Amino acid sequence: MTLGTAGITALLCSFAIKAREELLLGEKINNVLVTGATGGVGSIAVMILSKFGYKVTAVTGKKDQDDFLKKLGASNIINRKEFEGEPKLLGKGLWDGVVDTVGGTILSNVISQTKHSGIVAACGNAGGIKLNTSVMPFILRGIKLWGIDSIMISIKRREFLWNEVVNLINFEILEKHTKTVGLEELLNIFPNMLKGEISGRILVDVKK
């Protein structure tokens, strides 16, 4: 459960990015972006994508988590404020792939910054459920917006993902940044989660 649903979602997002090379027979992936990088999905996605050999840029609003993100494999770290402005129809193409765990304005901005034939794997809505974009990135740059759902996936896909865990997940790092709590402690933790003040993983031990 240290990996949990977040880990499976991160694996799905990461393999969606990798599909540009392997499934769509596109150009090699170099630069990838992960938003909400200190969260459950984002942190594991940073780890997986770096294991793929990609140069990972992590987006976070937590300035004290730089060391954690670098341990996971991030090459660069960008403050999320840079993605909170009004998105352009087409910004400068920077990313071959994006794992977005936030949604809202941040997703709109990363879509506009994705390179031609890039893939944006979207799995979150903490930043909002509305998407302010246009057809331009899709018809002029041919980018793919890939929605990620970890609930209704097939048993075959689940088995594939679990078989890849041993090669892609460093549990020593995850365990160092996982806090185990009981059910009663969740009442104190939830407000901090809603404020975006929690980093790493929270593991609930129902017997604690």
Protein backbone atom coordinates (compact mmCIF):
# COMPACT_ATOMS: atom_id res chain seq x y z
CA MET A 1 0.00 0.00 0.00
CA THR A 2 3.01 2.30 0.07
CA LEU A 3 2.58 2.28 -3.70
CA GLY A 4 -1.21 2.31 -3.59
CA THR A 5 -3.63 3.71 -6.16
CA ALA A 6 -1.38 6.73 -6.61
CA GLY A 7 1.47 4.47 -7.69
CA ILE A 8 -0.66 2.62 -10.22
CA THR A 9 -1.90 5.96 -11.58
CA ALA A 10 1.69 7.19 -11.87
CA LEU A 11 2.64 4.05 -13.79
CA LEU A 12 -0.30 4.54 -16.17
CA CYS A 13 0.68 8.18 -16.74
CA SER A 14 4.33 7.32 -17.33
CA PHE A 15 3.60 4.57 -19.83
CA ALA A 16 1.19 6.92 -21.63
CA ILE A 17 4.16 9.26 -22.14
CA LYS A 18 6.36 6.38 -23.25
CA ALA A 19 3.72 5.43 -25.84
CA ARG A 20 4.99 8.26 -28.04
CA GLU A 21 8.08 6.17 -28.79
CA GLU A 22 6.77 2.62 -28.51
CA LEU A 23 3.13 2.73 -29.59
CA LEU A 24 2.95 5.77 -31.86
CA LEU A 25 6.50 5.26 -33.23
CA GLY A 26 7.32 8.91 -32.63
CA GLU A 27 10.58 10.67 -31.96
CA LYS A 28 12.65 9.94 -28.87
CA ILE A 29 11.43 11.53 -25.65
CA ASN A 30 13.88 13.79 -23.85
CA ASN A 31 12.22 16.46 -21.72
CA VAL A 32 9.19 15.67 -19.60
CA LEU A 33 7.28 17.72 -17.04
CA VAL A 34 5.48 16.56 -13.90
CA THR A 35 3.07 18.89 -12.12
CA GLY A 36 2.15 18.46 -8.46
CA ALA A 37 5.46 16.66 -8.18
CA THR A 38 5.57 16.26 -4.40
CA GLY A 39 2.16 14.56 -4.25
CA GLY A 40 1.43 10.85 -4.30
CA VAL A 41 1.07 10.47 -8.07
CA GLY A 42 3.55 13.18 -9.01
CA SER A 43 6.43 11.97 -6.84
CA ILE A 44 6.20 8.39 -8.11
CA ALA A 45 5.86 9.62 -11.70
CA VAL A 46 9.11 11.60 -11.30
CA MET A 47 10.82 8.40 -10.14
CA ILE A 48 9.46 6.27 -12.99
CA LEU A 49 10.14 8.77 -15.77
CA SER A 50 13.71 9.26 -14.61
CA LYS A 51 14.13 5.46 -14.65
CA PHE A 52 13.00 5.58 -18.28
CA GLY A 53 16.00 7.82 -18.92
CA TYR A 54 14.07 11.05 -19.48
CA LYS A 55 15.12 14.47 -18.23
CA VAL A 56 12.41 15.26 -15.67
CA THR A 57 11.36 18.76 -14.65
CA ALA A 58 9.25 18.84 -11.50
CA VAL A 59 6.66 21.54 -10.76
CA THR A 60 5.90 22.32 -7.12
CA GLY A 61 4.96 25.15 -4.81
CA LYS A 62 6.94 23.64 -1.92
CA LYS A 63 10.38 25.25 -1.88
CA ASP A 64 11.60 22.97 0.92
CA GLN A 65 11.14 19.80 -1.16
CA ASP A 66 13.91 20.32 -3.73
CA ASP A 67 16.20 17.69 -2.19
CA PHE A 68 13.34 15.16 -2.08
CA LEU A 69 12.53 15.72 -5.75
CA LYS A 70 16.17 15.40 -6.78
CA LYS A 71 16.44 12.10 -4.90
CA LEU A 72 13.47 10.88 -6.90
CA GLY A 73 15.28 11.75 -10.12
CA ALA A 74 14.21 15.30 -11.04
CA SER A 75 16.80 17.22 -13.07
CA ASN A 76 15.10 20.60 -12.76
CA ILE A 77 12.50 22.15 -10.46
CA ILE A 78 10.10 24.95 -11.40
CA ASN A 79 7.79 26.92 -9.11
CA ARG A 80 4.15 26.26 -9.95
CA LYS A 81 3.45 30.03 -10.06
CA GLU A 82 5.03 30.03 -13.51
CA PHE A 83 2.08 27.96 -14.75
CA GLU A 84 -0.72 29.86 -13.04
CA GLY A 85 -1.03 32.79 -15.47
CA GLU A 86 -3.37 33.13 -18.43
CA PRO A 87 -2.39 30.41 -20.94
CA LYS A 88 -1.38 31.30 -24.47
CA LEU A 89 -3.02 29.62 -27.44
CA LEU A 90 0.41 28.25 -28.29
CA GLY A 91 3.40 28.85 -26.08
CA LYS A 92 6.99 27.89 -26.75
CA GLY A 93 7.23 24.12 -27.19
CA LEU A 94 9.24 22.81 -24.25
CA TRP A 95 8.01 19.34 -23.31
CA ASP A 96 7.92 16.03 -25.16
CA GLY A 97 5.57 14.71 -22.52
CA VAL A 98 3.71 15.93 -19.44
CA VAL A 99 2.20 14.17 -16.44
CA ASP A 100 -0.36 16.58 -15.01
CA THR A 101 -1.82 15.76 -11.61
CA VAL A 102 -3.39 19.18 -11.03
CA GLY A 103 -5.76 20.19 -13.83
CA GLY A 104 -7.24 23.68 -14.27
CA THR A 105 -5.03 26.57 -15.38
CA ILE A 106 -1.83 24.59 -14.93
CA LEU A 107 -3.06 21.93 -17.37
CA SER A 108 -4.05 24.64 -19.85
CA ASN A 109 -0.55 26.11 -19.69
CA VAL A 110 1.33 22.83 -20.08
CA ILE A 111 -0.80 21.91 -23.10
CA SER A 112 0.24 25.17 -24.78
CA GLN A 113 3.93 24.40 -24.01
CA THR A 114 3.95 20.82 -25.29
CA LYS A 115 6.06 20.13 -28.36
CA HIS A 116 4.78 18.73 -31.62
CA SER A 117 3.48 15.15 -31.24
CA GLY A 118 3.87 15.35 -27.46
CA ILE A 119 1.61 13.57 -25.00
CA VAL A 120 -0.06 15.09 -21.94
CA ALA A 121 -1.28 12.49 -19.43
CA ALA A 122 -3.90 14.12 -17.19
CA CYS A 123 -5.12 12.47 -13.99
CA GLY A 124 -5.99 15.18 -11.45
CA ASN A 125 -8.34 18.07 -10.74
CA ALA A 126 -7.04 19.67 -7.52
CA GLY A 127 -6.43 22.86 -9.50
CA GLY A 128 -9.89 22.87 -11.06
CA ILE A 129 -12.10 20.84 -13.38
CA LYS A 130 -12.43 23.38 -16.19
CA LEU A 131 -9.97 23.44 -19.09
CA ASN A 132 -9.25 26.70 -20.92
CA THR A 133 -7.69 25.72 -24.22
CA SER A 134 -8.40 25.63 -27.95
CA VAL A 135 -8.02 23.21 -30.82
CA MET A 136 -4.73 24.87 -31.84
CA PRO A 137 -2.29 22.65 -29.88
CA PHE A 138 -4.11 19.57 -31.16
CA ILE A 139 -4.40 20.39 -34.86
CA LEU A 140 -1.21 22.44 -35.33
CA ARG A 141 1.10 20.44 -33.09
CA GLY A 142 -0.69 17.12 -33.07
CA ILE A 143 -0.39 16.70 -29.32
CA LYS A 144 -2.37 14.04 -27.47
CA LEU A 145 -4.33 14.71 -24.29
CA TRP A 146 -4.48 11.31 -22.61
CA GLY A 147 -6.96 10.97 -19.76
CA ILE A 148 -5.83 8.55 -17.05
CA ASP A 149 -8.26 6.44 -15.04
CA SER A 150 -6.88 3.82 -12.65
CA ILE A 151 -10.24 2.31 -11.64
CA MET A 152 -11.71 0.68 -14.75
CA ILE A 153 -8.50 -0.61 -16.34
CA SER A 154 -8.35 -4.24 -17.39
CA ILE A 155 -6.79 -7.05 -15.40
CA LYS A 156 -4.29 -7.48 -18.25
CA ARG A 157 -3.08 -3.90 -17.87
CA ARG A 158 -2.93 -4.22 -14.09
CA GLU A 159 -0.79 -7.34 -14.37
CA PHE A 160 1.54 -5.58 -16.79
CA LEU A 161 1.96 -2.61 -14.41
CA TRP A 162 2.58 -4.76 -11.34
CA ASN A 163 5.24 -6.72 -13.25
CA GLU A 164 7.02 -3.44 -14.03
CA VAL A 165 7.08 -2.26 -10.40
CA VAL A 166 10.24 -4.18 -9.50
CA ASN A 167 12.18 -2.39 -12.27
CA LEU A 168 10.81 1.12 -11.78
CA ILE A 169 10.03 1.74 -8.10
CA ASN A 170 12.66 2.37 -5.44
CA PHE A 171 10.81 1.42 -2.27
CA GLU A 172 13.72 2.50 -0.04
CA ILE A 173 13.16 6.11 -1.07
CA LEU A 174 9.38 5.82 -0.83
CA GLU A 175 9.51 4.34 2.65
CA LYS A 176 11.71 7.16 3.91
CA HIS A 177 9.06 9.63 2.80
CA THR A 178 6.02 7.65 3.95
CA LYS A 179 4.30 8.45 7.22
CA THR A 180 2.19 5.72 8.83
CA VAL A 181 -0.86 6.92 10.77
CA GLY A 182 -3.99 5.51 12.37
CA LEU A 183 -7.56 6.38 11.44
CA GLU A 184 -7.92 8.93 14.25
CA GLU A 185 -4.84 10.84 13.10
CA LEU A 186 -6.43 11.42 9.69
CA LEU A 187 -8.70 14.07 11.21
CA ASN A 188 -5.62 16.20 11.88
CA ILE A 189 -3.98 15.43 8.55
CA PHE A 190 -6.90 16.11 6.18
CA PRO A 191 -6.90 19.92 6.68
CA ASN A 192 -3.20 20.03 5.77
CA MET A 193 -3.85 17.91 2.70
CA LEU A 194 -6.54 20.32 1.53
CA LYS A 195 -4.10 23.21 1.97
CA GLY A 196 -1.48 21.41 -0.14
CA GLU A 197 0.92 21.17 2.79
CA ILE A 198 1.50 17.40 2.67
CA SER A 199 4.41 15.87 0.76
CA GLY A 200 5.26 12.23 0.16
CA ARG A 201 2.94 9.40 1.12
CA ILE A 202 0.51 8.83 3.98
CA LEU A 203 -0.05 5.16 4.83
CA VAL A 204 -3.09 4.35 6.97
CA ASP A 205 -2.76 1.42 9.36
CA VAL A 206 -6.33 0.56 10.38
CA LYS A 207 -5.05 -1.44 13.36
CA LYS A 208 -2.94 1.40 14.76
